[in-house]
Structures are given as structure tokens and as C-alpha cells.
N, C-alpha and C. Protein backbone atom coordinates (compact mmCIF):
# COMPACT_ATOMS: atom_id res chain seq x y z
N MET A 1 89.58 148.44 -199.13
CA MET A 1 88.67 148.96 -200.16
C MET A 1 87.66 148.18 -200.43
N ARG A 2 87.84 146.90 -200.39
CA ARG A 2 86.86 145.70 -200.72
C ARG A 2 85.74 145.69 -199.64
N ARG A 3 86.30 146.21 -198.40
CA ARG A 3 85.16 146.00 -197.38
C ARG A 3 84.18 147.10 -197.57
N TRP A 4 84.56 148.44 -198.22
CA TRP A 4 83.58 149.32 -198.45
C TRP A 4 82.94 149.23 -199.62
N LEU A 5 83.45 148.78 -200.43
CA LEU A 5 83.03 148.63 -202.07
C LEU A 5 83.27 147.25 -202.44
N PRO A 6 82.62 146.18 -201.98
CA PRO A 6 82.59 144.89 -202.38
C PRO A 6 82.77 144.45 -203.68
N ALA A 7 81.81 144.97 -204.58
CA ALA A 7 81.68 144.74 -206.07
C ALA A 7 81.51 145.89 -206.99
N PRO A 8 82.91 146.39 -207.13
CA PRO A 8 82.70 147.73 -208.04
C PRO A 8 82.06 147.59 -209.22
N LEU A 9 82.25 146.42 -209.89
CA LEU A 9 81.76 146.55 -211.36
C LEU A 9 80.12 146.35 -211.22
N LEU A 10 79.52 145.65 -210.26
CA LEU A 10 78.24 145.41 -209.98
C LEU A 10 77.69 146.85 -209.55
N SER A 11 78.47 147.80 -208.66
CA SER A 11 77.98 148.92 -208.46
C SER A 11 77.93 149.69 -209.65
N ALA A 12 78.77 149.90 -210.68
CA ALA A 12 78.71 150.58 -211.94
C ALA A 12 77.53 150.15 -212.61
N VAL A 13 77.24 148.82 -212.92
CA VAL A 13 76.00 148.27 -213.50
C VAL A 13 74.79 148.98 -212.92
N LEU A 14 74.62 148.72 -211.66
CA LEU A 14 73.57 149.25 -210.89
C LEU A 14 73.52 150.73 -211.16
N LEU A 15 74.27 151.47 -211.09
CA LEU A 15 74.21 153.06 -211.38
C LEU A 15 73.61 153.23 -212.78
N VAL A 16 74.27 152.72 -213.75
CA VAL A 16 74.04 152.64 -215.20
C VAL A 16 72.60 152.14 -215.20
N VAL A 17 72.15 151.06 -214.81
CA VAL A 17 70.73 150.69 -215.05
C VAL A 17 69.65 151.77 -214.32
N TRP A 18 70.09 152.21 -213.29
CA TRP A 18 69.24 153.11 -212.51
C TRP A 18 69.05 154.23 -213.38
N LEU A 19 70.01 154.83 -214.14
CA LEU A 19 69.79 156.04 -214.83
C LEU A 19 69.16 155.86 -215.97
N LEU A 20 69.28 154.57 -216.71
CA LEU A 20 68.83 154.26 -217.92
C LEU A 20 67.26 153.91 -217.35
N LEU A 21 66.89 153.13 -216.41
CA LEU A 21 65.41 153.22 -215.98
C LEU A 21 64.50 154.52 -215.86
N ASN A 22 65.33 155.45 -215.43
CA ASN A 22 64.85 156.84 -215.01
C ASN A 22 64.73 157.59 -216.20
N ASN A 23 65.56 157.14 -217.23
CA ASN A 23 65.90 158.11 -218.53
C ASN A 23 66.36 159.47 -218.09
N THR A 24 67.10 159.64 -217.12
CA THR A 24 67.72 161.11 -216.84
C THR A 24 68.97 160.81 -216.22
N VAL A 25 69.80 162.05 -216.20
CA VAL A 25 71.11 162.03 -215.76
C VAL A 25 71.02 163.49 -214.75
N ALA A 26 69.78 163.55 -214.30
CA ALA A 26 69.56 164.73 -213.22
C ALA A 26 70.53 164.35 -211.92
N VAL A 27 70.91 165.50 -211.31
CA VAL A 27 71.76 165.58 -210.24
C VAL A 27 71.37 164.43 -209.28
N GLY A 28 69.78 164.82 -208.81
CA GLY A 28 69.44 163.84 -207.77
C GLY A 28 69.24 162.37 -208.03
N HIS A 29 68.95 161.99 -209.34
CA HIS A 29 68.85 160.65 -209.68
C HIS A 29 70.63 160.24 -209.75
N VAL A 30 71.44 160.96 -210.17
CA VAL A 30 72.93 160.26 -210.09
C VAL A 30 73.09 160.09 -208.68
N VAL A 31 72.73 160.94 -207.78
CA VAL A 31 73.27 160.76 -206.36
C VAL A 31 72.41 159.57 -205.73
N LEU A 32 70.99 159.45 -206.09
CA LEU A 32 70.27 158.45 -205.57
C LEU A 32 70.90 157.09 -206.07
N GLY A 33 71.19 157.03 -207.30
CA GLY A 33 71.78 155.89 -207.87
C GLY A 33 72.80 155.34 -207.63
N THR A 34 73.85 156.33 -207.05
CA THR A 34 75.07 156.19 -206.48
C THR A 34 74.91 155.67 -205.17
N VAL A 35 74.20 156.16 -204.36
CA VAL A 35 73.93 155.64 -203.12
C VAL A 35 73.36 154.18 -203.07
N LEU A 36 72.46 153.90 -204.13
CA LEU A 36 71.88 152.54 -204.27
C LEU A 36 72.69 151.86 -204.78
N ALA A 37 74.01 152.29 -205.62
CA ALA A 37 74.62 151.49 -206.40
C ALA A 37 76.03 151.22 -205.29
N TRP A 38 76.20 151.84 -204.25
CA TRP A 38 76.97 151.39 -203.42
C TRP A 38 76.63 150.74 -202.10
N ALA A 39 75.23 150.93 -201.56
CA ALA A 39 74.62 150.39 -200.53
C ALA A 39 74.21 148.80 -200.96
N ILE A 40 73.39 148.50 -202.08
CA ILE A 40 73.16 147.24 -202.42
C ILE A 40 74.08 146.24 -202.21
N PRO A 41 75.36 146.29 -203.10
CA PRO A 41 76.11 145.29 -202.77
C PRO A 41 76.88 145.18 -201.49
N LEU A 42 76.83 146.37 -200.85
CA LEU A 42 77.35 146.25 -199.27
C LEU A 42 76.59 145.56 -198.57
N LEU A 43 75.22 145.50 -198.59
CA LEU A 43 74.33 145.01 -197.77
C LEU A 43 74.14 143.55 -198.08
N THR A 44 74.57 143.15 -199.48
CA THR A 44 74.16 141.81 -199.81
C THR A 44 75.41 140.98 -199.99
N ALA A 45 76.38 141.56 -199.57
CA ALA A 45 77.86 140.91 -199.88
C ALA A 45 77.68 139.54 -199.04
N GLY A 46 77.16 139.30 -197.97
CA GLY A 46 77.19 138.21 -197.12
C GLY A 46 76.40 137.14 -197.76
N LEU A 47 75.44 137.58 -198.78
CA LEU A 47 74.69 136.48 -199.27
C LEU A 47 75.13 136.00 -200.67
N THR A 48 76.32 136.44 -201.19
CA THR A 48 76.72 135.81 -202.42
C THR A 48 77.48 134.57 -202.29
N GLY A 49 78.31 134.18 -201.32
CA GLY A 49 79.04 133.08 -201.35
C GLY A 49 80.28 133.44 -201.76
N GLY A 50 80.66 134.46 -201.98
CA GLY A 50 82.10 134.78 -202.56
C GLY A 50 81.98 135.36 -204.03
N HIS A 51 83.06 135.64 -204.39
CA HIS A 51 83.06 136.40 -205.88
C HIS A 51 83.55 135.27 -206.78
N PRO A 52 82.81 135.03 -207.92
CA PRO A 52 83.17 134.19 -208.86
C PRO A 52 84.36 134.28 -209.53
N ARG A 53 85.34 133.31 -209.86
CA ARG A 53 86.54 133.47 -210.50
C ARG A 53 86.19 133.39 -212.21
N VAL A 54 86.21 134.44 -212.79
CA VAL A 54 85.79 134.54 -214.32
C VAL A 54 87.25 134.65 -215.24
N ARG A 55 87.32 133.56 -215.83
CA ARG A 55 88.45 133.67 -216.97
C ARG A 55 87.77 133.67 -218.43
N ARG A 56 88.74 134.00 -219.11
CA ARG A 56 88.61 133.88 -220.63
C ARG A 56 87.32 134.62 -221.08
N PRO A 57 87.51 136.12 -221.28
CA PRO A 57 86.26 136.88 -221.35
C PRO A 57 85.71 136.59 -223.12
N LEU A 58 86.81 136.14 -224.02
CA LEU A 58 86.24 135.62 -225.28
C LEU A 58 85.25 134.52 -225.19
N ALA A 59 85.47 133.73 -224.28
CA ALA A 59 84.57 132.50 -223.96
C ALA A 59 83.15 133.16 -223.67
N ILE A 60 83.35 133.92 -222.67
CA ILE A 60 81.97 134.93 -222.40
C ILE A 60 81.32 135.36 -223.59
N ALA A 61 81.81 135.97 -224.31
CA ALA A 61 81.24 136.45 -225.58
C ALA A 61 80.71 135.49 -226.55
N ARG A 62 81.39 134.44 -226.74
CA ARG A 62 80.91 133.45 -227.38
C ARG A 62 79.70 132.42 -227.06
N LEU A 63 79.63 132.36 -225.66
CA LEU A 63 78.59 131.77 -225.01
C LEU A 63 77.37 132.83 -225.05
N ALA A 64 77.71 133.97 -224.82
CA ALA A 64 76.43 135.01 -224.98
C ALA A 64 76.05 134.77 -226.35
N LEU A 65 76.79 134.83 -227.41
CA LEU A 65 76.07 134.91 -228.62
C LEU A 65 75.23 133.32 -228.88
N VAL A 66 75.98 132.19 -228.37
CA VAL A 66 75.21 131.07 -228.44
C VAL A 66 73.68 131.16 -227.70
N VAL A 67 73.77 131.68 -226.40
CA VAL A 67 72.45 131.63 -225.94
C VAL A 67 71.53 132.63 -226.59
N LEU A 68 72.11 133.87 -227.11
CA LEU A 68 71.04 134.73 -227.92
C LEU A 68 70.52 133.95 -229.00
N ARG A 69 71.31 133.18 -229.95
CA ARG A 69 70.86 132.40 -231.10
C ARG A 69 69.69 131.41 -230.49
N ASP A 70 70.28 130.75 -229.36
CA ASP A 70 69.17 129.73 -229.03
C ASP A 70 67.95 130.17 -228.32
N ILE A 71 68.01 131.47 -227.91
CA ILE A 71 66.70 132.14 -227.32
C ILE A 71 65.82 132.58 -228.64
N VAL A 72 66.37 133.00 -229.69
CA VAL A 72 65.73 133.33 -230.78
C VAL A 72 65.05 132.20 -231.23
N VAL A 73 66.01 131.00 -231.73
CA VAL A 73 65.38 129.88 -232.45
C VAL A 73 64.62 129.20 -231.56
N SER A 74 64.76 129.14 -230.08
CA SER A 74 63.64 128.47 -229.25
C SER A 74 62.28 129.32 -229.34
N ASN A 75 62.32 130.42 -229.56
CA ASN A 75 60.99 131.14 -229.35
C ASN A 75 60.21 130.90 -230.80
N LEU A 76 61.03 130.79 -231.74
CA LEU A 76 60.34 130.63 -233.10
C LEU A 76 59.68 129.00 -232.85
N GLU A 77 60.50 128.01 -232.50
CA GLU A 77 59.90 126.77 -232.22
C GLU A 77 58.87 126.58 -231.28
N VAL A 78 59.13 127.26 -230.17
CA VAL A 78 57.78 127.14 -229.25
C VAL A 78 56.48 127.72 -229.78
N ALA A 79 56.73 128.97 -230.60
CA ALA A 79 55.64 129.58 -231.11
C ALA A 79 55.04 128.39 -232.21
N ARG A 80 55.90 127.78 -233.05
CA ARG A 80 55.37 126.96 -233.91
C ARG A 80 54.76 125.81 -233.37
N ARG A 81 55.06 125.27 -232.27
CA ARG A 81 54.46 124.11 -231.81
C ARG A 81 53.22 124.65 -230.89
N VAL A 82 53.19 125.71 -230.53
CA VAL A 82 51.94 126.21 -229.74
C VAL A 82 50.72 126.61 -230.73
N LEU A 83 51.15 126.86 -231.96
CA LEU A 83 50.15 127.34 -232.82
C LEU A 83 49.78 125.97 -233.60
N GLY A 84 50.44 124.87 -233.57
CA GLY A 84 50.31 123.86 -234.30
C GLY A 84 49.38 122.76 -233.55
N PRO A 85 49.37 121.49 -234.15
CA PRO A 85 48.37 120.50 -233.29
C PRO A 85 48.88 120.21 -232.06
N GLU A 86 48.06 120.04 -230.83
CA GLU A 86 48.57 119.71 -229.75
C GLU A 86 49.36 118.49 -229.59
N GLU A 87 48.86 117.39 -230.35
CA GLU A 87 49.43 115.97 -230.27
C GLU A 87 51.11 116.40 -230.61
N ALA A 88 51.44 117.31 -231.21
CA ALA A 88 52.84 117.32 -231.56
C ALA A 88 53.85 117.84 -230.61
N ILE A 89 53.33 118.21 -229.38
CA ILE A 89 54.19 118.68 -228.23
C ILE A 89 54.13 117.50 -227.27
N ARG A 90 55.42 117.10 -226.97
CA ARG A 90 55.89 116.05 -226.00
C ARG A 90 56.59 116.76 -224.97
N PRO A 91 55.92 117.14 -224.05
CA PRO A 91 56.59 117.74 -222.84
C PRO A 91 57.41 116.50 -222.05
N GLY A 92 58.56 116.72 -221.49
CA GLY A 92 59.31 115.84 -220.90
C GLY A 92 60.34 116.38 -219.68
N TRP A 93 60.67 115.56 -218.75
CA TRP A 93 61.71 115.88 -217.88
C TRP A 93 63.21 115.40 -218.08
N LEU A 94 64.08 116.14 -217.80
CA LEU A 94 65.55 115.56 -218.05
C LEU A 94 66.27 115.52 -216.93
N ARG A 95 67.25 114.73 -216.66
CA ARG A 95 68.21 114.95 -215.65
C ARG A 95 69.63 114.92 -216.17
N VAL A 96 70.12 116.22 -216.03
CA VAL A 96 71.26 116.81 -216.86
C VAL A 96 72.39 116.62 -215.62
N PRO A 97 73.24 115.45 -215.79
CA PRO A 97 74.44 115.30 -214.83
C PRO A 97 75.42 116.46 -215.05
N LEU A 98 75.93 117.04 -214.00
CA LEU A 98 76.92 117.99 -214.09
C LEU A 98 78.18 117.70 -213.79
N ASP A 99 79.30 118.35 -214.89
CA ASP A 99 80.58 118.25 -214.51
C ASP A 99 81.05 119.72 -213.73
N LEU A 100 80.17 120.53 -213.53
CA LEU A 100 80.69 121.75 -212.97
C LEU A 100 80.88 121.71 -211.60
N ALA A 101 81.78 122.43 -211.01
CA ALA A 101 81.87 122.31 -209.46
C ALA A 101 81.63 123.47 -209.14
N ASP A 102 81.94 124.61 -209.70
CA ASP A 102 81.71 126.02 -209.09
C ASP A 102 80.24 126.40 -208.95
N PRO A 103 79.78 126.72 -207.85
CA PRO A 103 78.25 127.08 -207.63
C PRO A 103 77.82 128.35 -208.61
N HIS A 104 78.77 129.29 -208.71
CA HIS A 104 78.36 130.22 -209.69
C HIS A 104 78.18 129.71 -210.97
N ALA A 105 78.86 128.92 -211.48
CA ALA A 105 78.78 128.25 -212.89
C ALA A 105 77.43 127.44 -212.95
N ILE A 106 77.32 126.76 -211.85
CA ILE A 106 75.83 125.84 -211.87
C ILE A 106 74.69 126.79 -211.76
N THR A 107 74.74 127.86 -211.06
CA THR A 107 73.59 128.80 -211.12
C THR A 107 73.61 129.45 -212.56
N THR A 108 74.61 129.71 -213.16
CA THR A 108 74.46 130.38 -214.41
C THR A 108 73.95 129.45 -215.56
N LEU A 109 74.29 128.21 -215.39
CA LEU A 109 73.57 127.31 -216.39
C LEU A 109 72.29 127.41 -216.00
N ALA A 110 71.98 127.04 -214.86
CA ALA A 110 70.55 126.99 -214.50
C ALA A 110 69.45 128.10 -214.95
N GLY A 111 70.42 129.30 -214.98
CA GLY A 111 69.66 130.68 -215.58
C GLY A 111 69.57 130.49 -217.01
N ILE A 112 70.64 130.07 -217.69
CA ILE A 112 70.62 129.90 -219.11
C ILE A 112 69.48 128.90 -219.74
N ILE A 113 69.44 127.87 -219.05
CA ILE A 113 68.19 126.82 -219.43
C ILE A 113 66.99 127.59 -219.23
N THR A 114 66.75 128.28 -218.10
CA THR A 114 65.56 128.76 -217.94
C THR A 114 65.25 129.84 -218.69
N MET A 115 66.14 130.56 -219.30
CA MET A 115 65.98 131.80 -219.92
C MET A 115 65.77 131.38 -221.62
N THR A 116 65.88 130.14 -221.72
CA THR A 116 65.68 129.57 -223.12
C THR A 116 64.30 129.12 -223.21
N PRO A 117 63.52 129.75 -224.24
CA PRO A 117 61.96 129.53 -224.20
C PRO A 117 61.88 127.73 -224.28
N GLY A 118 61.08 127.47 -223.81
CA GLY A 118 61.01 125.84 -223.83
C GLY A 118 61.44 125.00 -222.94
N THR A 119 62.46 125.69 -222.04
CA THR A 119 62.99 124.93 -220.89
C THR A 119 62.89 125.53 -219.67
N LEU A 120 63.08 124.63 -218.64
CA LEU A 120 63.14 125.34 -217.35
C LEU A 120 63.68 124.55 -216.41
N THR A 121 64.57 125.08 -215.42
CA THR A 121 65.58 124.32 -214.54
C THR A 121 64.38 124.31 -213.35
N ALA A 122 64.05 123.01 -213.01
CA ALA A 122 63.25 122.83 -212.04
C ALA A 122 63.89 122.65 -210.50
N ASP A 123 65.09 121.93 -210.66
CA ASP A 123 65.83 121.77 -209.36
C ASP A 123 67.15 121.63 -209.65
N ILE A 124 67.87 121.73 -208.52
CA ILE A 124 69.24 121.62 -208.49
C ILE A 124 69.41 120.52 -207.36
N ALA A 125 70.29 119.59 -207.54
CA ALA A 125 70.57 118.59 -206.80
C ALA A 125 71.42 119.34 -205.70
N PRO A 126 71.12 118.82 -204.28
CA PRO A 126 71.75 119.54 -203.20
C PRO A 126 73.13 119.39 -203.20
N ASP A 127 73.59 118.21 -203.85
CA ASP A 127 75.23 118.19 -203.78
C ASP A 127 75.64 118.73 -204.93
N GLY A 128 74.87 119.18 -205.97
CA GLY A 128 75.46 119.65 -207.00
C GLY A 128 75.80 118.62 -208.29
N SER A 129 75.27 117.55 -208.11
CA SER A 129 75.51 116.35 -208.99
C SER A 129 74.73 116.70 -210.52
N HIS A 130 73.44 117.33 -210.45
CA HIS A 130 72.58 117.35 -211.51
C HIS A 130 71.50 118.32 -211.51
N LEU A 131 70.93 118.71 -212.58
CA LEU A 131 69.84 119.52 -212.61
C LEU A 131 68.60 118.95 -213.12
N VAL A 132 67.52 119.08 -212.53
CA VAL A 132 66.30 118.59 -213.14
C VAL A 132 65.74 119.71 -214.12
N VAL A 133 65.59 119.36 -215.45
CA VAL A 133 64.95 120.45 -216.37
C VAL A 133 63.63 119.90 -216.93
N HIS A 134 62.72 120.87 -216.97
CA HIS A 134 61.35 120.41 -217.78
C HIS A 134 61.33 121.04 -219.07
N ALA A 135 61.35 120.31 -220.07
CA ALA A 135 61.44 120.69 -221.53
C ALA A 135 59.90 120.50 -222.31
N PHE A 136 59.48 121.60 -222.82
CA PHE A 136 58.19 121.81 -223.73
C PHE A 136 58.18 120.68 -224.59
N HIS A 137 59.10 120.15 -225.32
CA HIS A 137 59.24 119.35 -226.38
C HIS A 137 60.33 118.58 -226.27
N VAL A 138 60.25 117.14 -226.09
CA VAL A 138 61.37 116.25 -225.94
C VAL A 138 61.07 115.05 -226.81
N THR A 139 62.05 114.94 -227.91
CA THR A 139 61.79 113.74 -228.54
C THR A 139 63.16 112.72 -228.30
N ASP A 140 64.15 113.34 -228.01
CA ASP A 140 65.45 112.56 -227.71
C ASP A 140 66.07 112.85 -226.37
N PRO A 141 65.66 112.37 -225.13
CA PRO A 141 66.12 113.01 -224.02
C PRO A 141 67.76 113.14 -223.73
N GLU A 142 68.31 111.96 -224.33
CA GLU A 142 69.83 111.88 -224.51
C GLU A 142 70.46 112.88 -225.21
N ALA A 143 69.74 113.09 -226.39
CA ALA A 143 70.41 114.09 -227.20
C ALA A 143 70.21 115.65 -226.71
N MET A 144 69.05 115.80 -226.12
CA MET A 144 68.88 117.06 -225.45
C MET A 144 70.06 117.17 -224.23
N VAL A 145 70.24 116.44 -223.49
CA VAL A 145 71.11 116.51 -222.41
C VAL A 145 72.54 116.80 -223.14
N ARG A 146 72.86 116.02 -224.06
CA ARG A 146 74.45 116.28 -224.57
C ARG A 146 74.30 117.70 -225.18
N ALA A 147 73.38 118.34 -225.81
CA ALA A 147 73.26 119.66 -226.36
C ALA A 147 73.40 120.61 -225.37
N ILE A 148 72.77 120.27 -224.12
CA ILE A 148 72.87 121.45 -222.80
C ILE A 148 74.34 121.22 -222.54
N LYS A 149 74.97 120.22 -222.38
CA LYS A 149 76.21 119.89 -221.98
C LYS A 149 77.35 120.47 -222.79
N ALA A 150 77.09 120.46 -224.11
CA ALA A 150 78.13 120.82 -225.16
C ALA A 150 77.98 122.30 -225.42
N ARG A 151 76.77 122.73 -225.50
CA ARG A 151 76.62 124.28 -225.89
C ARG A 151 76.58 125.12 -224.46
N TYR A 152 76.42 124.85 -223.44
CA TYR A 152 76.31 125.71 -222.27
C TYR A 152 77.27 125.26 -221.24
N GLU A 153 77.47 123.79 -220.86
CA GLU A 153 78.03 123.29 -219.80
C GLU A 153 79.56 123.54 -220.06
N ALA A 154 79.99 123.30 -221.22
CA ALA A 154 81.50 123.01 -221.52
C ALA A 154 82.06 124.66 -221.64
N PRO A 155 81.39 125.63 -222.12
CA PRO A 155 81.72 127.01 -222.18
C PRO A 155 81.80 127.57 -220.79
N LEU A 156 80.92 127.28 -219.99
CA LEU A 156 80.74 127.45 -218.52
C LEU A 156 82.00 126.87 -217.81
N ARG A 157 82.48 125.54 -217.99
CA ARG A 157 83.64 125.09 -217.37
C ARG A 157 84.78 125.82 -217.72
N GLU A 158 84.86 126.41 -219.05
CA GLU A 158 86.17 127.11 -219.51
C GLU A 158 86.18 128.51 -219.05
N ILE A 159 85.10 128.92 -218.57
CA ILE A 159 84.93 130.40 -218.06
C ILE A 159 85.26 130.37 -216.52
N PHE A 160 84.64 129.44 -215.90
CA PHE A 160 84.59 129.40 -214.27
C PHE A 160 85.77 128.70 -213.66
N GLU A 161 86.19 127.43 -214.43
CA GLU A 161 87.08 126.57 -213.72
C GLU A 161 88.39 126.41 -214.64
């Protein structure tokens, strides 16, 4: 079964997104969406590097709420700094050492950092030992690294490892 349907959850999500984007449940769109939802995971299965082992669904929900809150707060903070005096902005680079080993967890962390306004994951070390992050405003680099590790990396360790 896995050979013909490698990612059933992804297929279901793709079908739902297809129908939502087209704003219809017409038979033609359902058929086309079903074909795409089957074919895309099948054709890209070799690119994923395996399926992640995800544990603790409650931790996923908690992390999602933390990320959502941080996105809202960061949007407000970036807007305040952009509209304020330019001297008040102190961009900087951070090196975030990683305790994560799972490549899916590292990729998720990099994505969360990039989705949060004011920060961007610029590089992942080839050996997975650290991330290079650019931040729009850095006053205390060590505190920012500690916050990333506590708010995002610790829950991801709980979820993936």
C-alpha cells in the first residue's frame, strides 16, 4: 500500500487545498485534485529522505500556538521599528547551535525562524551542528539564541526525537 500511496495524510491535505483554492467541489475538480493528490507524493517520495517520526500531538499544538503568538508579536515589533528612527534598528547575525539530530526537525526549526518576521535562517551547517540566522534587531545575541532554543528547539526535540 505504501508503494502506491506513500503519504496518505499529505494526499488528503493536497486534495483539500486543491478544492479550497478552486472554491468548488465540482466533479472535474474532485477528480483532478484526487489525481494530483495521488501523483505528487508518489513522484516526490524519493526526494523526502524518509518519513519523520512525529510524537506528542499535544506538543505540536502548543508549539503552533507559540509560533502563532510570536508571528503576531514580531509583526508588531518590526512595524514599530520600521516606522521609528532608523538608528533604533540593530541588525545582526546569530549562530544557533543545534541539539536536534533529526533532519526534519532541523528543517522545521529553520522554517519557523524564517516565518517569524524579523528573522531569517540564512544557512544550515552541512553537519547539522548549527543554523546561521539573520535578525532585524539584535540587542543581546545570547538571549536571542536562548529564546530560539527554548521556544522552538526544545518542543521540536520533544516532537521528533
